[in-house]
Amino acid sequence: MGNSAWAVVPAAGASTRMGREINKQLLCLAGRPVVEHSLRSLLAAPVAGVVLVVAPGAEQRFAGVLGDLLKSNKVMIIAGGKSRRDSVRQGL
């Protein structure tokens, strides 16, 4: 029997506390965006897939950064809501 559990990654924040122009999820760490490290770790676990919740309007930006990961059809990018709670609800 396959695993039907999905992971939800809320990444819709504006990263305002970092004082940067770019979202912290897109900053590079060891040559890859932080969000990619998170997604690869989750995809290595026994999950059916991962829902990445990003700020409304940022879907294409994240898709461009994560191109190869999206080819597996195990990562879905969706727009979040006004608050973290709303974004998690959107992911569920």
N, C-alpha and C. Protein backbone atom coordinates (compact mmCIF):
# COMPACT_ATOMS: atom_id res chain seq x y z
N MET A 1 0.85 -1.18 0.00
CA MET A 1 0.00 0.00 0.00
C MET A 1 0.90 1.24 0.00
N GLY A 2 0.61 2.22 -0.89
CA GLY A 2 1.38 3.46 -0.97
C GLY A 2 1.03 4.42 0.15
N ASN A 3 1.90 5.36 0.37
CA ASN A 3 1.66 6.36 1.40
C ASN A 3 0.77 7.46 0.84
N SER A 4 -0.25 7.82 1.58
CA SER A 4 -1.15 8.88 1.12
C SER A 4 -0.96 10.18 1.89
N ALA A 5 0.04 10.24 2.77
CA ALA A 5 0.29 11.45 3.56
C ALA A 5 1.03 12.49 2.71
N TRP A 6 0.59 13.72 2.83
CA TRP A 6 1.23 14.85 2.16
C TRP A 6 1.81 15.78 3.21
N ALA A 7 2.89 16.45 2.89
CA ALA A 7 3.49 17.47 3.76
C ALA A 7 3.06 18.85 3.25
N VAL A 8 2.82 19.77 4.17
CA VAL A 8 2.49 21.15 3.82
C VAL A 8 3.61 22.04 4.32
N VAL A 9 4.19 22.83 3.42
CA VAL A 9 5.27 23.75 3.77
C VAL A 9 4.77 25.18 3.60
N PRO A 10 4.47 25.87 4.72
CA PRO A 10 4.05 27.27 4.61
C PRO A 10 5.26 28.16 4.36
N ALA A 11 5.34 28.76 3.19
CA ALA A 11 6.48 29.61 2.81
C ALA A 11 5.97 30.91 2.20
N ALA A 12 4.87 31.42 2.72
CA ALA A 12 4.24 32.61 2.14
C ALA A 12 4.62 33.90 2.84
N GLY A 13 5.53 33.81 3.80
CA GLY A 13 5.92 35.00 4.54
C GLY A 13 6.70 35.99 3.68
N ALA A 14 6.74 37.23 4.15
CA ALA A 14 7.44 38.30 3.41
C ALA A 14 8.88 38.47 3.86
N SER A 15 9.31 37.74 4.88
CA SER A 15 10.68 37.81 5.40
C SER A 15 11.06 39.22 5.84
N THR A 16 10.12 39.98 6.36
CA THR A 16 10.38 41.36 6.74
C THR A 16 11.35 41.47 7.91
N ARG A 17 11.36 40.51 8.81
CA ARG A 17 12.28 40.59 9.96
C ARG A 17 13.73 40.43 9.55
N MET A 18 13.97 39.83 8.39
CA MET A 18 15.35 39.67 7.90
C MET A 18 15.88 40.96 7.31
N GLY A 19 14.99 41.86 6.93
CA GLY A 19 15.43 43.12 6.34
C GLY A 19 16.05 42.96 4.97
N ARG A 20 15.62 41.96 4.22
CA ARG A 20 16.15 41.70 2.88
C ARG A 20 15.08 41.96 1.84
N GLU A 21 15.51 42.18 0.62
CA GLU A 21 14.60 42.37 -0.51
C GLU A 21 14.03 41.05 -0.99
N ILE A 22 14.75 39.96 -0.80
CA ILE A 22 14.35 38.64 -1.30
C ILE A 22 13.82 37.80 -0.14
N ASN A 23 12.84 36.95 -0.42
CA ASN A 23 12.32 36.05 0.62
C ASN A 23 13.42 35.12 1.09
N LYS A 24 13.46 34.88 2.39
CA LYS A 24 14.53 34.03 2.93
C LYS A 24 14.48 32.62 2.35
N GLN A 25 13.30 32.16 1.94
CA GLN A 25 13.18 30.83 1.36
C GLN A 25 13.94 30.71 0.04
N LEU A 26 14.18 31.84 -0.62
CA LEU A 26 14.87 31.84 -1.90
C LEU A 26 16.36 32.15 -1.79
N LEU A 27 16.82 32.47 -0.58
CA LEU A 27 18.25 32.71 -0.38
C LEU A 27 19.02 31.41 -0.53
N CYS A 28 20.22 31.48 -1.09
CA CYS A 28 21.01 30.28 -1.31
C CYS A 28 21.77 29.86 -0.06
N LEU A 29 21.79 28.57 0.15
CA LEU A 29 22.54 27.92 1.23
C LEU A 29 23.21 26.71 0.59
N ALA A 30 24.52 26.67 0.62
CA ALA A 30 25.28 25.57 0.00
C ALA A 30 24.90 25.40 -1.47
N GLY A 31 24.70 26.53 -2.17
CA GLY A 31 24.46 26.49 -3.60
C GLY A 31 23.03 26.25 -4.05
N ARG A 32 22.10 26.10 -3.09
CA ARG A 32 20.70 25.87 -3.44
C ARG A 32 19.81 26.74 -2.59
N PRO A 33 18.63 27.13 -3.08
CA PRO A 33 17.71 27.91 -2.26
C PRO A 33 17.29 27.13 -1.01
N VAL A 34 17.08 27.82 0.08
CA VAL A 34 16.68 27.20 1.34
C VAL A 34 15.45 26.32 1.14
N VAL A 35 14.47 26.80 0.38
CA VAL A 35 13.24 26.04 0.16
C VAL A 35 13.53 24.71 -0.54
N GLU A 36 14.51 24.68 -1.40
CA GLU A 36 14.85 23.43 -2.08
C GLU A 36 15.39 22.40 -1.09
N HIS A 37 16.22 22.84 -0.14
CA HIS A 37 16.72 21.92 0.89
C HIS A 37 15.55 21.31 1.66
N SER A 38 14.59 22.15 2.03
CA SER A 38 13.42 21.67 2.78
C SER A 38 12.63 20.65 1.97
N LEU A 39 12.37 20.98 0.71
CA LEU A 39 11.58 20.08 -0.12
C LEU A 39 12.29 18.76 -0.37
N ARG A 40 13.58 18.80 -0.63
CA ARG A 40 14.32 17.56 -0.87
C ARG A 40 14.31 16.67 0.37
N SER A 41 14.42 17.26 1.54
CA SER A 41 14.37 16.48 2.78
C SER A 41 13.01 15.81 2.94
N LEU A 42 11.96 16.55 2.70
CA LEU A 42 10.61 15.98 2.82
C LEU A 42 10.36 14.90 1.77
N LEU A 43 10.82 15.11 0.56
CA LEU A 43 10.61 14.13 -0.50
C LEU A 43 11.40 12.85 -0.27
N ALA A 44 12.43 12.91 0.55
CA ALA A 44 13.19 11.71 0.91
C ALA A 44 12.45 10.87 1.94
N ALA A 45 11.44 11.46 2.58
CA ALA A 45 10.62 10.75 3.56
C ALA A 45 9.49 10.03 2.81
N PRO A 46 8.84 9.09 3.48
CA PRO A 46 7.75 8.36 2.81
C PRO A 46 6.46 9.19 2.75
N VAL A 47 6.45 10.18 1.87
CA VAL A 47 5.25 11.01 1.67
C VAL A 47 4.78 10.87 0.23
N ALA A 48 3.50 11.10 0.03
CA ALA A 48 2.95 11.07 -1.32
C ALA A 48 3.37 12.31 -2.10
N GLY A 49 3.58 13.42 -1.39
CA GLY A 49 3.98 14.66 -2.03
C GLY A 49 4.05 15.80 -1.04
N VAL A 50 4.37 16.97 -1.56
CA VAL A 50 4.53 18.17 -0.73
C VAL A 50 3.75 19.31 -1.37
N VAL A 51 3.00 20.03 -0.54
CA VAL A 51 2.31 21.24 -0.98
C VAL A 51 3.11 22.43 -0.46
N LEU A 52 3.66 23.21 -1.35
CA LEU A 52 4.42 24.41 -1.00
C LEU A 52 3.48 25.60 -1.13
N VAL A 53 3.23 26.27 -0.01
CA VAL A 53 2.31 27.41 0.01
C VAL A 53 3.13 28.69 0.01
N VAL A 54 2.99 29.49 -1.04
CA VAL A 54 3.77 30.71 -1.20
C VAL A 54 2.84 31.92 -1.23
N ALA A 55 3.43 33.09 -1.15
CA ALA A 55 2.65 34.33 -1.20
C ALA A 55 1.90 34.42 -2.52
N PRO A 56 0.68 34.94 -2.50
CA PRO A 56 -0.06 35.11 -3.75
C PRO A 56 0.77 35.93 -4.75
N GLY A 57 0.87 35.42 -5.95
CA GLY A 57 1.65 36.10 -6.98
C GLY A 57 3.08 35.61 -7.08
N ALA A 58 3.54 34.80 -6.12
CA ALA A 58 4.92 34.33 -6.12
C ALA A 58 5.05 32.91 -6.67
N GLU A 59 3.97 32.33 -7.13
CA GLU A 59 4.00 30.95 -7.59
C GLU A 59 5.00 30.75 -8.73
N GLN A 60 5.00 31.63 -9.70
CA GLN A 60 5.90 31.47 -10.86
C GLN A 60 7.36 31.67 -10.46
N ARG A 61 7.60 32.56 -9.52
CA ARG A 61 8.98 32.80 -9.07
C ARG A 61 9.54 31.53 -8.42
N PHE A 62 8.74 30.91 -7.55
CA PHE A 62 9.18 29.68 -6.90
C PHE A 62 9.29 28.55 -7.92
N ALA A 63 8.35 28.47 -8.85
CA ALA A 63 8.40 27.43 -9.88
C ALA A 63 9.67 27.55 -10.72
N GLY A 64 10.08 28.77 -11.02
CA GLY A 64 11.30 28.97 -11.78
C GLY A 64 12.54 28.51 -11.04
N VAL A 65 12.53 28.68 -9.73
CA VAL A 65 13.67 28.28 -8.91
C VAL A 65 13.70 26.76 -8.70
N LEU A 66 12.53 26.15 -8.65
CA LEU A 66 12.42 24.73 -8.31
C LEU A 66 12.13 23.84 -9.52
N GLY A 67 12.40 24.31 -10.70
CA GLY A 67 12.04 23.61 -11.93
C GLY A 67 12.19 22.10 -11.91
N ASP A 68 13.36 21.57 -11.59
CA ASP A 68 13.59 20.13 -11.63
C ASP A 68 12.75 19.38 -10.60
N LEU A 69 12.56 19.96 -9.44
CA LEU A 69 11.75 19.29 -8.41
C LEU A 69 10.29 19.17 -8.83
N LEU A 70 9.83 20.09 -9.64
CA LEU A 70 8.43 20.07 -10.05
C LEU A 70 8.15 19.00 -11.10
N LYS A 71 9.18 18.53 -11.77
CA LYS A 71 9.00 17.52 -12.80
C LYS A 71 8.52 16.18 -12.25
N SER A 72 8.75 15.95 -10.97
CA SER A 72 8.37 14.67 -10.36
C SER A 72 6.87 14.58 -10.09
N ASN A 73 6.16 15.69 -10.20
CA ASN A 73 4.73 15.76 -9.88
C ASN A 73 4.45 15.44 -8.41
N LYS A 74 5.47 15.55 -7.57
CA LYS A 74 5.28 15.32 -6.14
C LYS A 74 5.28 16.63 -5.36
N VAL A 75 5.50 17.75 -6.06
CA VAL A 75 5.49 19.07 -5.42
C VAL A 75 4.42 19.92 -6.10
N MET A 76 3.55 20.48 -5.28
CA MET A 76 2.49 21.35 -5.77
C MET A 76 2.70 22.72 -5.14
N ILE A 77 2.69 23.77 -5.94
CA ILE A 77 2.84 25.14 -5.45
C ILE A 77 1.48 25.82 -5.52
N ILE A 78 1.04 26.37 -4.37
CA ILE A 78 -0.23 27.08 -4.34
C ILE A 78 -0.06 28.42 -3.63
N ALA A 79 -1.00 29.32 -3.85
CA ALA A 79 -0.99 30.63 -3.21
C ALA A 79 -1.55 30.53 -1.80
N GLY A 80 -0.91 31.22 -0.88
CA GLY A 80 -1.37 31.25 0.51
C GLY A 80 -2.41 32.32 0.75
N GLY A 81 -2.69 32.54 2.03
CA GLY A 81 -3.69 33.52 2.43
C GLY A 81 -3.09 34.71 3.13
N LYS A 82 -3.93 35.44 3.85
CA LYS A 82 -3.51 36.67 4.53
C LYS A 82 -2.65 36.38 5.76
N SER A 83 -2.86 35.26 6.41
CA SER A 83 -2.11 34.92 7.62
C SER A 83 -1.52 33.52 7.46
N ARG A 84 -0.62 33.15 8.36
CA ARG A 84 -0.05 31.80 8.32
C ARG A 84 -1.16 30.76 8.44
N ARG A 85 -2.11 31.02 9.34
CA ARG A 85 -3.22 30.09 9.52
C ARG A 85 -3.99 29.90 8.21
N ASP A 86 -4.25 31.00 7.52
CA ASP A 86 -4.96 30.92 6.24
C ASP A 86 -4.13 30.15 5.20
N SER A 87 -2.83 30.37 5.21
CA SER A 87 -1.96 29.69 4.25
C SER A 87 -1.91 28.19 4.51
N VAL A 88 -1.82 27.81 5.77
CA VAL A 88 -1.82 26.38 6.09
C VAL A 88 -3.16 25.76 5.70
N ARG A 89 -4.24 26.46 5.95
CA ARG A 89 -5.56 25.96 5.57
C ARG A 89 -5.62 25.77 4.05
N GLN A 90 -5.07 26.72 3.29
CA GLN A 90 -5.04 26.59 1.83
C GLN A 90 -4.27 25.33 1.42
N GLY A 91 -3.16 25.10 2.12
CA GLY A 91 -2.34 23.91 1.81
C GLY A 91 -3.04 22.60 2.10
N LEU A 92 -3.83 22.62 3.15
CA LEU A 92 -4.57 21.39 3.50
C LEU A 92 -5.71 21.15 2.52
